[in-house]
Amino acid sequence: MKYDLRDEKTLREVWEEREVSWLAPWACPASKSRGRNREENPCSIRTAFQRDRDRIIHSKSFRRLKHKTQVLLLPESDHPRTRLTHTLEVSQIARTISRALRLNEDLTEAIALAHDLGHTPFGHLGERVLREISVAEGLEPFLHAEQSLRVVDLLERDGRGLNLTWEVRMGIVQHSKGQVDVRTGFSLENPSSVEAWVVRISDSIAYLNHDLDDAAGAGLLSVGDIPRGVFETLGSSHGQRIDSLVKDVIANSEGGRLSFSDPILEQMESLRNFLYVSVYTHKSIRNEEPKVSNVIKFLYRYAREELGRGAREALDEISGMTDRYALHLFRSEAEPCA
């Protein structure tokens, strides 16, 4: 059906009405958003959450994710995940769950696409070094979820930020467990929307499976090392395991509360513990820690002493770097002085 932009209702208003009539009672329709920090005129064709999603995709920080480490540092193969491919996998899983549970797929997608925008170069190794620096400087401990919110609020668009909706912003900072938003005091154990909860779960589904896949591909472990219960309960392939987890959470979620069955949850924890012991603390990854620490600490000193950055500004600058840019800057500035 052809739509005439001269019609009395805008496309956005038509879509908002469809959301209200279709979404589950506990979902978050765009028309009920708490709004933005800076008021804007609504778009005539996109809902507020669709607009947020588009701003995130077109941001510089989103593009930089393609050159940021997920787990394996500077792998020789082209196949291991980067922060960008991880983000896209989280988004795909989250959208599938949201659609099945009649939640707001646009809100879920926007949160998923932005959840790791503040992640550091060199993965969690880089994050640990920046956290160590921030504590030594008397600042709040560096956390990538908090930094992701800082990126969309303050750092994008030359300091103007993306001015995203409250729901997307809270979903971004709530995607990691055991944290509290230092600006609002909001407990991150209780996500502000069911859609935010979906992204948190989808993040776990994605990384538990693709980190296993990448580690096996890199020779860090063999199929025989993987706990037998994981194969028997979740499946023997990457696709089977994701399918099992997604279908299980859909089947066991009710009334706006997301849940896995006990057998599935038990194997998720088994897989998480296995990855910690066999992958995240693997000798080949531990061997990279001193190198990563040396690079990031040098770049921090360089930003403070040579570029005149403040402590918070230096942390922002380094956390936004890609792996390859951080290494290029280190080699160009540190090695001539060696």
C-alpha atoms as a PDB file:
ATOM      1  CA  MET A   1       0.000   0.000   0.000  1.00  0.00           C
ATOM      2  CA  LYS A   2       1.356   3.391  -0.972  1.00  0.00           C
ATOM      3  CA  TYR A   3       1.626   5.885   1.880  1.00  0.00           C
ATOM      4  CA  ASP A   4       1.000   9.573   1.266  1.00  0.00           C
ATOM      5  CA  LEU A   5       3.113  11.806   3.510  1.00  0.00           C
ATOM      6  CA  ARG A   6       0.258  14.315   3.360  1.00  0.00           C
ATOM      7  CA  ASP A   7      -1.974  11.964   5.335  1.00  0.00           C
ATOM      8  CA  GLU A   8      -3.206  13.240   8.689  1.00  0.00           C
ATOM      9  CA  LYS A   9      -1.170  10.677  10.639  1.00  0.00           C
ATOM     10  CA  THR A  10       2.564  10.383  10.217  1.00  0.00           C
ATOM     11  CA  LEU A  11       4.217   7.034   9.607  1.00  0.00           C
ATOM     12  CA  ARG A  12       5.705   7.296  13.096  1.00  0.00           C
ATOM     13  CA  GLU A  13       2.263   7.691  14.648  1.00  0.00           C
ATOM     14  CA  VAL A  14       0.904   4.742  12.670  1.00  0.00           C
ATOM     15  CA  TRP A  15       3.819   2.604  13.840  1.00  0.00           C
ATOM     16  CA  GLU A  16       3.378   3.730  17.454  1.00  0.00           C
ATOM     17  CA  GLU A  17      -0.282   2.697  17.352  1.00  0.00           C
ATOM     18  CA  ARG A  18       0.665  -0.706  15.979  1.00  0.00           C
ATOM     19  CA  GLU A  19       3.191  -1.143  18.790  1.00  0.00           C
ATOM     20  CA  VAL A  20       0.587  -0.435  21.459  1.00  0.00           C
ATOM     21  CA  SER A  21      -1.858  -2.918  19.934  1.00  0.00           C
ATOM     22  CA  TRP A  22       0.718  -5.688  19.389  1.00  0.00           C
ATOM     23  CA  LEU A  23       3.287  -5.518  22.186  1.00  0.00           C
ATOM     24  CA  ALA A  24       2.934  -7.455  25.431  1.00  0.00           C
ATOM     25  CA  PRO A  25       1.650  -5.398  28.404  1.00  0.00           C
ATOM     26  CA  TRP A  26       5.127  -5.400  30.009  1.00  0.00           C
ATOM     27  CA  ALA A  27       6.920  -4.296  26.839  1.00  0.00           C
ATOM     28  CA  CYS A  28       8.030  -0.692  26.317  1.00  0.00           C
ATOM     29  CA  PRO A  29       6.306   1.062  23.388  1.00  0.00           C
ATOM     30  CA  ALA A  30       8.168   4.015  21.910  1.00  0.00           C
ATOM     31  CA  SER A  31       5.210   6.308  22.574  1.00  0.00           C
ATOM     32  CA  LYS A  32       5.723   5.725  26.325  1.00  0.00           C
ATOM     33  CA  SER A  33       9.412   6.645  26.332  1.00  0.00           C
ATOM     34  CA  ARG A  34      10.624   8.913  29.120  1.00  0.00           C
ATOM     35  CA  GLY A  35      12.268  11.001  26.435  1.00  0.00           C
ATOM     36  CA  ARG A  36      15.722  12.480  25.914  1.00  0.00           C
ATOM     37  CA  ASN A  37      17.966  14.711  27.997  1.00  0.00           C
ATOM     38  CA  ARG A  38      17.557  17.394  25.340  1.00  0.00           C
ATOM     39  CA  GLU A  39      14.085  17.673  23.863  1.00  0.00           C
ATOM     40  CA  GLU A  40      13.806  17.203  20.107  1.00  0.00           C
ATOM     41  CA  ASN A  41      11.012  17.366  17.587  1.00  0.00           C
ATOM     42  CA  PRO A  42       9.878  13.801  16.779  1.00  0.00           C
ATOM     43  CA  CYS A  43      10.725  12.253  13.432  1.00  0.00           C
ATOM     44  CA  SER A  44       7.803  11.932  11.022  1.00  0.00           C
ATOM     45  CA  ILE A  45       8.710   8.396   9.878  1.00  0.00           C
ATOM     46  CA  ARG A  46      10.668   6.750  12.721  1.00  0.00           C
ATOM     47  CA  THR A  47       9.812   6.061  16.340  1.00  0.00           C
ATOM     48  CA  ALA A  48      12.171   7.350  19.021  1.00  0.00           C
ATOM     49  CA  PHE A  49      13.831   3.933  19.398  1.00  0.00           C
ATOM     50  CA  GLN A  50      14.233   3.472  15.634  1.00  0.00           C
ATOM     51  CA  ARG A  51      15.890   6.873  15.530  1.00  0.00           C
ATOM     52  CA  ASP A  52      18.260   5.867  18.343  1.00  0.00           C
ATOM     53  CA  ARG A  53      19.221   2.694  16.499  1.00  0.00           C
ATOM     54  CA  ASP A  54      20.082   4.695  13.363  1.00  0.00           C
ATOM     55  CA  ARG A  55      22.198   7.199  15.307  1.00  0.00           C
ATOM     56  CA  ILE A  56      24.169   4.371  16.892  1.00  0.00           C
ATOM     57  CA  ILE A  57      24.836   2.612  13.578  1.00  0.00           C
ATOM     58  CA  HIS A  58      26.098   5.832  11.996  1.00  0.00           C
ATOM     59  CA  SER A  59      28.344   6.741  14.927  1.00  0.00           C
ATOM     60  CA  LYS A  60      32.143   6.692  14.779  1.00  0.00           C
ATOM     61  CA  SER A  61      32.401   4.556  17.897  1.00  0.00           C
ATOM     62  CA  PHE A  62      30.249   1.866  16.262  1.00  0.00           C
ATOM     63  CA  ARG A  63      32.517   1.747  13.222  1.00  0.00           C
ATOM     64  CA  ARG A  64      35.606   1.422  15.423  1.00  0.00           C
ATOM     65  CA  LEU A  65      34.277  -1.815  16.935  1.00  0.00           C
ATOM     66  CA  LYS A  66      35.427  -3.728  13.846  1.00  0.00           C
ATOM     67  CA  HIS A  67      39.054  -3.257  14.919  1.00  0.00           C
ATOM     68  CA  LYS A  68      38.635  -3.998  18.634  1.00  0.00           C
ATOM     69  CA  THR A  69      39.471  -7.355  20.205  1.00  0.00           C
ATOM     70  CA  GLN A  70      36.797  -9.679  21.532  1.00  0.00           C
ATOM     71  CA  VAL A  71      39.010 -12.367  23.136  1.00  0.00           C
ATOM     72  CA  LEU A  72      41.857 -13.291  20.786  1.00  0.00           C
ATOM     73  CA  LEU A  73      44.436 -10.531  20.377  1.00  0.00           C
ATOM     74  CA  LEU A  74      45.450  -9.808  16.770  1.00  0.00           C
ATOM     75  CA  PRO A  75      44.576 -13.291  15.473  1.00  0.00           C
ATOM     76  CA  GLU A  76      46.209 -14.511  12.285  1.00  0.00           C
ATOM     77  CA  SER A  77      42.883 -15.779  10.905  1.00  0.00           C
ATOM     78  CA  ASP A  78      40.092 -13.511   9.695  1.00  0.00           C
ATOM     79  CA  HIS A  79      37.398 -15.592  11.397  1.00  0.00           C
ATOM     80  CA  PRO A  80      37.606 -14.855  15.162  1.00  0.00           C
ATOM     81  CA  ARG A  81      35.037 -12.369  16.421  1.00  0.00           C
ATOM     82  CA  THR A  82      35.732  -8.705  16.908  1.00  0.00           C
ATOM     83  CA  ARG A  83      33.679  -6.359  19.073  1.00  0.00           C
ATOM     84  CA  LEU A  84      31.625  -5.516  15.994  1.00  0.00           C
ATOM     85  CA  THR A  85      30.759  -9.085  15.053  1.00  0.00           C
ATOM     86  CA  HIS A  86      30.029  -9.825  18.716  1.00  0.00           C
ATOM     87  CA  THR A  87      27.686  -6.836  18.797  1.00  0.00           C
ATOM     88  CA  LEU A  88      25.864  -7.993  15.668  1.00  0.00           C
ATOM     89  CA  GLU A  89      25.462 -11.501  17.094  1.00  0.00           C
ATOM     90  CA  VAL A  90      24.043 -10.090  20.337  1.00  0.00           C
ATOM     91  CA  SER A  91      21.656  -7.930  18.325  1.00  0.00           C
ATOM     92  CA  GLN A  92      20.442 -10.860  16.234  1.00  0.00           C
ATOM     93  CA  ILE A  93      19.837 -13.072  19.272  1.00  0.00           C
ATOM     94  CA  ALA A  94      18.133 -10.268  21.199  1.00  0.00           C
ATOM     95  CA  ARG A  95      15.830  -9.418  18.315  1.00  0.00           C
ATOM     96  CA  THR A  96      14.758 -13.051  17.959  1.00  0.00           C
ATOM     97  CA  ILE A  97      13.900 -13.301  21.668  1.00  0.00           C
ATOM     98  CA  SER A  98      12.129  -9.939  21.697  1.00  0.00           C
ATOM     99  CA  ARG A  99      10.017 -10.780  18.667  1.00  0.00           C
ATOM    100  CA  ALA A 100       8.969 -14.119  20.128  1.00  0.00           C
ATOM    101  CA  LEU A 101       8.001 -12.530  23.467  1.00  0.00           C
ATOM    102  CA  ARG A 102       6.228  -9.566  21.798  1.00  0.00           C
ATOM    103  CA  LEU A 103       8.674  -7.045  23.200  1.00  0.00           C
ATOM    104  CA  ASN A 104       9.887  -3.880  21.464  1.00  0.00           C
ATOM    105  CA  GLU A 105      12.368  -5.149  18.920  1.00  0.00           C
ATOM    106  CA  ASP A 106      13.570  -1.643  18.028  1.00  0.00           C
ATOM    107  CA  LEU A 107      14.424  -0.799  21.638  1.00  0.00           C
ATOM    108  CA  THR A 108      16.159  -4.145  22.070  1.00  0.00           C
ATOM    109  CA  GLU A 109      18.184  -3.666  18.893  1.00  0.00           C
ATOM    110  CA  ALA A 110      19.282  -0.144  19.824  1.00  0.00           C
ATOM    111  CA  ILE A 111      20.515  -1.289  23.251  1.00  0.00           C
ATOM    112  CA  ALA A 112      22.318  -4.290  21.758  1.00  0.00           C
ATOM    113  CA  LEU A 113      24.081  -2.250  19.069  1.00  0.00           C
ATOM    114  CA  ALA A 114      25.363   0.274  21.624  1.00  0.00           C
ATOM    115  CA  HIS A 115      26.133  -1.952  24.602  1.00  0.00           C
ATOM    116  CA  ASP A 116      29.895  -2.251  23.908  1.00  0.00           C
ATOM    117  CA  LEU A 117      30.640   1.159  22.367  1.00  0.00           C
ATOM    118  CA  GLY A 118      32.824   2.005  25.370  1.00  0.00           C
ATOM    119  CA  HIS A 119      34.894  -1.157  25.276  1.00  0.00           C
ATOM    120  CA  THR A 120      38.646  -0.710  25.269  1.00  0.00           C
ATOM    121  CA  PRO A 121      41.272  -1.906  22.801  1.00  0.00           C
ATOM    122  CA  PHE A 122      42.667  -5.364  23.595  1.00  0.00           C
ATOM    123  CA  GLY A 123      39.425  -6.640  25.117  1.00  0.00           C
ATOM    124  CA  HIS A 124      39.097  -7.253  28.835  1.00  0.00           C
ATOM    125  CA  LEU A 125      42.859  -7.115  29.276  1.00  0.00           C
ATOM    126  CA  GLY A 126      42.735  -3.474  28.197  1.00  0.00           C
ATOM    127  CA  GLU A 127      39.761  -2.792  30.434  1.00  0.00           C
ATOM    128  CA  ARG A 128      41.599  -4.155  33.483  1.00  0.00           C
ATOM    129  CA  VAL A 129      44.570  -1.868  32.847  1.00  0.00           C
ATOM    130  CA  LEU A 130      42.363   1.213  32.474  1.00  0.00           C
ATOM    131  CA  ARG A 131      40.509   0.239  35.653  1.00  0.00           C
ATOM    132  CA  GLU A 132      43.842   0.010  37.478  1.00  0.00           C
ATOM    133  CA  ILE A 133      44.831   3.459  36.178  1.00  0.00           C
ATOM    134  CA  SER A 134      41.497   5.047  37.048  1.00  0.00           C
ATOM    135  CA  VAL A 135      41.638   3.776  40.639  1.00  0.00           C
ATOM    136  CA  ALA A 136      45.231   4.991  41.009  1.00  0.00           C
ATOM    137  CA  GLU A 137      44.096   8.426  39.829  1.00  0.00           C
ATOM    138  CA  GLY A 138      41.298   8.547  42.392  1.00  0.00           C
ATOM    139  CA  LEU A 139      38.548   8.223  39.778  1.00  0.00           C
ATOM    140  CA  GLU A 140      35.600   5.856  39.655  1.00  0.00           C
ATOM    141  CA  PRO A 141      36.807   2.396  38.539  1.00  0.00           C
ATOM    142  CA  PHE A 142      36.715   2.149  34.758  1.00  0.00           C
ATOM    143  CA  LEU A 143      33.865  -0.107  33.588  1.00  0.00           C
ATOM    144  CA  HIS A 144      33.091  -0.578  29.925  1.00  0.00           C
ATOM    145  CA  ALA A 145      29.325  -0.432  30.476  1.00  0.00           C
ATOM    146  CA  GLU A 146      29.658   2.957  32.161  1.00  0.00           C
ATOM    147  CA  GLN A 147      32.019   4.065  29.402  1.00  0.00           C
ATOM    148  CA  SER A 148      29.512   3.015  26.736  1.00  0.00           C
ATOM    149  CA  LEU A 149      26.979   5.346  28.320  1.00  0.00           C
ATOM    150  CA  ARG A 150      29.585   8.089  28.489  1.00  0.00           C
ATOM    151  CA  VAL A 151      30.282   7.610  24.768  1.00  0.00           C
ATOM    152  CA  VAL A 152      26.661   8.121  23.723  1.00  0.00           C
ATOM    153  CA  ASP A 153      26.034  10.894  26.261  1.00  0.00           C
ATOM    154  CA  LEU A 154      29.196  12.984  25.947  1.00  0.00           C
ATOM    155  CA  LEU A 155      31.868  11.779  23.545  1.00  0.00           C
ATOM    156  CA  GLU A 156      30.105  11.225  20.239  1.00  0.00           C
ATOM    157  CA  ARG A 157      29.499  14.152  17.868  1.00  0.00           C
ATOM    158  CA  ASP A 158      32.404  16.179  19.233  1.00  0.00           C
ATOM    159  CA  GLY A 159      31.028  16.354  22.756  1.00  0.00           C
ATOM    160  CA  ARG A 160      27.347  16.748  21.947  1.00  0.00           C
ATOM    161  CA  GLY A 161      26.562  13.060  22.317  1.00  0.00           C
ATOM    162  CA  LEU A 162      23.816  11.159  20.519  1.00  0.00           C
ATOM    163  CA  ASN A 163      21.033  12.350  22.857  1.00  0.00           C
ATOM    164  CA  LEU A 164      19.460   8.899  23.059  1.00  0.00           C
ATOM    165  CA  THR A 165      16.249   8.053  24.897  1.00  0.00           C
ATOM    166  CA  TRP A 166      16.297   7.187  28.587  1.00  0.00           C
ATOM    167  CA  GLU A 167      15.330   3.572  27.894  1.00  0.00           C
ATOM    168  CA  VAL A 168      18.215   2.949  25.507  1.00  0.00           C
ATOM    169  CA  ARG A 169      20.703   4.718  27.781  1.00  0.00           C
ATOM    170  CA  MET A 170      19.676   2.654  30.801  1.00  0.00           C
ATOM    171  CA  GLY A 171      19.767  -0.564  28.786  1.00  0.00           C
ATOM    172  CA  ILE A 172      23.332   0.208  27.723  1.00  0.00           C
ATOM    173  CA  VAL A 173      24.625   0.711  31.250  1.00  0.00           C
ATOM    174  CA  GLN A 174      22.635  -2.257  32.584  1.00  0.00           C
ATOM    175  CA  HIS A 175      23.952  -4.898  30.201  1.00  0.00           C
ATOM    176  CA  SER A 176      26.593  -6.102  32.711  1.00  0.00           C
ATOM    177  CA  LYS A 177      25.761  -7.704  36.047  1.00  0.00           C
ATOM    178  CA  GLY A 178      26.787  -6.482  39.462  1.00  0.00           C
ATOM    179  CA  GLN A 179      27.087  -2.784  38.696  1.00  0.00           C
ATOM    180  CA  VAL A 180      25.374   0.418  39.777  1.00  0.00           C
ATOM    181  CA  ASP A 181      25.050   3.502  37.627  1.00  0.00           C
ATOM    182  CA  VAL A 182      27.089   6.034  39.621  1.00  0.00           C
ATOM    183  CA  ARG A 183      25.090   8.934  38.160  1.00  0.00           C
ATOM    184  CA  THR A 184      21.610   7.659  38.989  1.00  0.00           C
ATOM    185  CA  GLY A 185      22.211   5.099  41.743  1.00  0.00           C
ATOM    186  CA  PHE A 186      20.040   2.674  39.740  1.00  0.00           C
ATOM    187  CA  SER A 187      20.683  -0.945  40.633  1.00  0.00           C
ATOM    188  CA  LEU A 188      21.793  -2.838  37.582  1.00  0.00           C
ATOM    189  CA  GLU A 189      20.550  -6.094  39.051  1.00  0.00           C
ATOM    190  CA  ASN A 190      17.042  -4.913  38.135  1.00  0.00           C
ATOM    191  CA  PRO A 191      16.966  -3.814  34.488  1.00  0.00           C
ATOM    192  CA  SER A 192      14.734  -0.842  33.758  1.00  0.00           C
ATOM    193  CA  SER A 193      12.916  -2.690  30.950  1.00  0.00           C
ATOM    194  CA  VAL A 194      12.336  -6.241  29.844  1.00  0.00           C
ATOM    195  CA  GLU A 195      14.110  -5.301  26.617  1.00  0.00           C
ATOM    196  CA  ALA A 196      17.240  -4.371  28.585  1.00  0.00           C
ATOM    197  CA  TRP A 197      17.025  -7.739  30.316  1.00  0.00           C
ATOM    198  CA  VAL A 198      16.862  -9.466  26.924  1.00  0.00           C
ATOM    199  CA  VAL A 199      20.101  -7.779  25.850  1.00  0.00           C
ATOM    200  CA  ARG A 200      21.872  -8.832  29.042  1.00  0.00           C
ATOM    201  CA  ILE A 201      20.851 -12.458  28.461  1.00  0.00           C
ATOM    202  CA  SER A 202      21.646 -12.283  24.742  1.00  0.00           C
ATOM    203  CA  ASP A 203      25.128 -10.950  25.512  1.00  0.00           C
ATOM    204  CA  SER A 204      25.782 -14.059  27.608  1.00  0.00           C
ATOM    205  CA  ILE A 205      24.345 -16.418  24.988  1.00  0.00           C
ATOM    206  CA  ALA A 206      26.523 -14.840  22.307  1.00  0.00           C
ATOM    207  CA  TYR A 207      29.861 -14.685  24.090  1.00  0.00           C
ATOM    208  CA  LEU A 208      29.623 -18.096  25.777  1.00  0.00           C
ATOM    209  CA  ASN A 209      29.202 -19.707  22.386  1.00  0.00           C
ATOM    210  CA  HIS A 210      31.401 -17.635  20.123  1.00  0.00           C
ATOM    211  CA  ASP A 211      34.293 -17.539  22.606  1.00  0.00           C
ATOM    212  CA  LEU A 212      34.150 -21.336  22.689  1.00  0.00           C
ATOM    213  CA  ASP A 213      34.040 -21.421  18.896  1.00  0.00           C
ATOM    214  CA  ASP A 214      36.956 -18.998  18.503  1.00  0.00           C
ATOM    215  CA  ALA A 215      39.076 -20.737  21.140  1.00  0.00           C
ATOM    216  CA  ALA A 216      38.615 -24.095  19.426  1.00  0.00           C
ATOM    217  CA  GLY A 217      39.472 -22.530  16.059  1.00  0.00           C
ATOM    218  CA  ALA A 218      42.638 -21.022  17.520  1.00  0.00           C
ATOM    219  CA  GLY A 219      43.747 -24.333  19.010  1.00  0.00           C
ATOM    220  CA  LEU A 220      43.409 -23.221  22.636  1.00  0.00           C
ATOM    221  CA  LEU A 221      41.214 -26.232  23.339  1.00  0.00           C
ATOM    222  CA  SER A 222      39.919 -29.360  21.647  1.00  0.00           C
ATOM    223  CA  VAL A 223      36.382 -30.660  21.366  1.00  0.00           C
ATOM    224  CA  GLY A 224      37.203 -33.385  23.879  1.00  0.00           C
ATOM    225  CA  ASP A 225      37.996 -30.760  26.525  1.00  0.00           C
ATOM    226  CA  ILE A 226      34.464 -29.353  26.557  1.00  0.00           C
ATOM    227  CA  PRO A 227      32.276 -30.596  29.447  1.00  0.00           C
ATOM    228  CA  ARG A 228      30.156 -33.520  28.305  1.00  0.00           C
ATOM    229  CA  GLY A 229      26.989 -32.047  29.779  1.00  0.00           C
ATOM    230  CA  VAL A 230      27.309 -28.974  27.557  1.00  0.00           C
ATOM    231  CA  PHE A 231      27.246 -31.167  24.446  1.00  0.00           C
ATOM    232  CA  GLU A 232      24.451 -33.394  25.715  1.00  0.00           C
ATOM    233  CA  THR A 233      22.188 -30.571  26.895  1.00  0.00           C
ATOM    234  CA  LEU A 234      22.973 -27.633  24.621  1.00  0.00           C
ATOM    235  CA  GLY A 235      24.246 -29.295  21.452  1.00  0.00           C
ATOM    236  CA  SER A 236      27.457 -30.221  19.686  1.00  0.00           C
ATOM    237  CA  SER A 237      27.662 -27.248  17.311  1.00  0.00           C
ATOM    238  CA  HIS A 238      27.704 -23.476  17.719  1.00  0.00           C
ATOM    239  CA  GLY A 239      24.330 -23.138  16.001  1.00  0.00           C
ATOM    240  CA  GLN A 240      22.702 -25.915  18.021  1.00  0.00           C
ATOM    241  CA  ARG A 241      23.823 -24.387  21.309  1.00  0.00           C
ATOM    242  CA  ILE A 242      22.474 -20.938  20.459  1.00  0.00           C
ATOM    243  CA  ASP A 243      19.217 -22.484  19.233  1.00  0.00           C
ATOM    244  CA  SER A 244      18.841 -24.429  22.497  1.00  0.00           C
ATOM    245  CA  LEU A 245      19.457 -21.378  24.670  1.00  0.00           C
ATOM    246  CA  VAL A 246      17.192 -19.044  22.706  1.00  0.00           C
ATOM    247  CA  LYS A 247      14.311 -21.505  22.585  1.00  0.00           C
ATOM    248  CA  ASP A 248      14.696 -22.315  26.275  1.00  0.00           C
ATOM    249  CA  VAL A 249      14.524 -18.711  27.461  1.00  0.00           C
ATOM    250  CA  ILE A 250      11.517 -18.075  25.219  1.00  0.00           C
ATOM    251  CA  ALA A 251       9.722 -21.154  26.560  1.00  0.00           C
ATOM    252  CA  ASN A 252      10.462 -20.379  30.219  1.00  0.00           C
ATOM    253  CA  SER A 253       9.802 -16.624  30.287  1.00  0.00           C
ATOM    254  CA  GLU A 254       6.431 -15.419  31.460  1.00  0.00           C
ATOM    255  CA  GLY A 255       4.760 -12.191  32.498  1.00  0.00           C
ATOM    256  CA  GLY A 256       7.724  -9.982  31.747  1.00  0.00           C
ATOM    257  CA  ARG A 257      10.167 -12.145  33.697  1.00  0.00           C
ATOM    258  CA  LEU A 258      12.917 -13.866  31.732  1.00  0.00           C
ATOM    259  CA  SER A 259      14.170 -17.251  32.841  1.00  0.00           C
ATOM    260  CA  PHE A 260      16.047 -20.334  31.699  1.00  0.00           C
ATOM    261  CA  SER A 261      15.131 -23.848  32.773  1.00  0.00           C
ATOM    262  CA  ASP A 262      17.303 -25.306  35.546  1.00  0.00           C
ATOM    263  CA  PRO A 263      19.097 -27.890  33.331  1.00  0.00           C
ATOM    264  CA  ILE A 264      19.967 -25.255  30.731  1.00  0.00           C
ATOM    265  CA  LEU A 265      21.094 -22.742  33.342  1.00  0.00           C
ATOM    266  CA  GLU A 266      23.298 -25.379  34.972  1.00  0.00           C
ATOM    267  CA  GLN A 267      25.082 -26.046  31.672  1.00  0.00           C
ATOM    268  CA  MET A 268      25.461 -22.341  30.948  1.00  0.00           C
ATOM    269  CA  GLU A 269      27.295 -21.954  34.246  1.00  0.00           C
ATOM    270  CA  SER A 270      29.358 -25.051  33.484  1.00  0.00           C
ATOM    271  CA  LEU A 271      30.352 -23.551  30.143  1.00  0.00           C
ATOM    272  CA  ARG A 272      31.130 -20.183  31.732  1.00  0.00           C
ATOM    273  CA  ASN A 273      33.418 -21.791  34.321  1.00  0.00           C
ATOM    274  CA  PHE A 274      35.085 -23.934  31.670  1.00  0.00           C
ATOM    275  CA  LEU A 275      35.830 -20.885  29.498  1.00  0.00           C
ATOM    276  CA  TYR A 276      37.306 -19.009  32.447  1.00  0.00           C
ATOM    277  CA  VAL A 277      39.711 -21.819  33.264  1.00  0.00           C
ATOM    278  CA  SER A 278      40.502 -23.023  29.740  1.00  0.00           C
ATOM    279  CA  VAL A 279      40.315 -19.851  27.646  1.00  0.00           C
ATOM    280  CA  TYR A 280      40.262 -16.536  29.518  1.00  0.00           C
ATOM    281  CA  THR A 281      43.196 -17.562  31.707  1.00  0.00           C
ATOM    282  CA  HIS A 282      44.939 -19.608  29.012  1.00  0.00           C
ATOM    283  CA  LYS A 283      48.724 -19.281  28.953  1.00  0.00           C
ATOM    284  CA  SER A 284      48.733 -17.693  25.497  1.00  0.00           C
ATOM    285  CA  ILE A 285      46.344 -14.962  26.679  1.00  0.00           C
ATOM    286  CA  ARG A 286      48.092 -14.446  30.031  1.00  0.00           C
ATOM    287  CA  ASN A 287      51.347 -13.985  28.142  1.00  0.00           C
ATOM    288  CA  GLU A 288      49.818 -10.956  26.438  1.00  0.00           C
ATOM    289  CA  GLU A 289      48.935  -9.188  29.702  1.00  0.00           C
ATOM    290  CA  PRO A 290      52.354  -7.546  30.287  1.00  0.00           C
ATOM    291  CA  LYS A 291      52.443  -6.353  26.676  1.00  0.00           C
ATOM    292  CA  VAL A 292      48.943  -4.875  26.851  1.00  0.00           C
ATOM    293  CA  SER A 293      49.724  -3.242  30.185  1.00  0.00           C
ATOM    294  CA  ASN A 294      52.915  -1.722  28.809  1.00  0.00           C
ATOM    295  CA  VAL A 295      51.175  -0.297  25.727  1.00  0.00           C
ATOM    296  CA  ILE A 296      48.210   1.196  27.559  1.00  0.00           C
ATOM    297  CA  LYS A 297      50.215   2.632  30.447  1.00  0.00           C
ATOM    298  CA  PHE A 298      52.613   4.259  27.982  1.00  0.00           C
ATOM    299  CA  LEU A 299      49.716   5.734  26.014  1.00  0.00           C
ATOM    300  CA  TYR A 300      48.221   7.089  29.219  1.00  0.00           C
ATOM    301  CA  ARG A 301      51.482   8.780  30.186  1.00  0.00           C
ATOM    302  CA  TYR A 302      51.841  10.085  26.643  1.00  0.00           C
ATOM    303  CA  ALA A 303      48.318  11.554  26.704  1.00  0.00           C
ATOM    304  CA  ARG A 304      48.896  13.205  30.082  1.00  0.00           C
ATOM    305  CA  GLU A 305      52.469  14.461  29.662  1.00  0.00           C
ATOM    306  CA  GLU A 306      52.866  15.072  25.928  1.00  0.00           C
ATOM    307  CA  LEU A 307      49.326  15.958  24.913  1.00  0.00           C
ATOM    308  CA  GLY A 308      48.293  17.686  28.141  1.00  0.00           C
ATOM    309  CA  ARG A 309      45.133  15.648  28.647  1.00  0.00           C
ATOM    310  CA  GLY A 310      43.388  15.430  31.994  1.00  0.00           C
ATOM    311  CA  ALA A 311      43.050  12.022  33.642  1.00  0.00           C
ATOM    312  CA  ARG A 312      39.443  11.485  32.592  1.00  0.00           C
ATOM    313  CA  GLU A 313      40.120  12.821  29.108  1.00  0.00           C
ATOM    314  CA  ALA A 314      43.102  10.482  28.689  1.00  0.00           C
ATOM    315  CA  LEU A 315      40.998   7.480  29.719  1.00  0.00           C
ATOM    316  CA  ASP A 316      38.327   8.503  27.214  1.00  0.00           C
ATOM    317  CA  GLU A 317      40.872   8.845  24.441  1.00  0.00           C
ATOM    318  CA  ILE A 318      42.563   5.487  25.052  1.00  0.00           C
ATOM    319  CA  SER A 319      39.330   3.535  25.542  1.00  0.00           C
ATOM    320  CA  GLY A 320      38.118   4.800  22.182  1.00  0.00           C
ATOM    321  CA  MET A 321      41.173   3.548  20.302  1.00  0.00           C
ATOM    322  CA  THR A 322      41.146   0.469  18.127  1.00  0.00           C
ATOM    323  CA  ASP A 323      43.769  -2.200  18.736  1.00  0.00           C
ATOM    324  CA  ARG A 324      45.690  -1.306  15.624  1.00  0.00           C
ATOM    325  CA  TYR A 325      45.660   2.444  16.253  1.00  0.00           C
ATOM    326  CA  ALA A 326      46.842   1.957  19.848  1.00  0.00           C
ATOM    327  CA  LEU A 327      49.721  -0.214  18.604  1.00  0.00           C
ATOM    328  CA  HIS A 328      50.564   2.229  15.812  1.00  0.00           C
ATOM    329  CA  LEU A 329      50.698   5.153  18.246  1.00  0.00           C
ATOM    330  CA  PHE A 330      52.748   3.153  20.737  1.00  0.00           C
ATOM    331  CA  ARG A 331      55.259   2.092  18.110  1.00  0.00           C
ATOM    332  CA  SER A 332      55.574   5.560  16.615  1.00  0.00           C
ATOM    333  CA  GLU A 333      56.020   7.328  19.972  1.00  0.00           C
ATOM    334  CA  ALA A 334      57.616   4.771  22.298  1.00  0.00           C
ATOM    335  CA  GLU A 335      59.971   2.740  20.152  1.00  0.00           C
ATOM    336  CA  PRO A 336      62.057   5.649  18.797  1.00  0.00           C
ATOM    337  CA  CYS A 337      62.823   6.514  22.433  1.00  0.00           C
ATOM    338  CA  ALA A 338      63.813   2.959  23.347  1.00  0.00           C
END
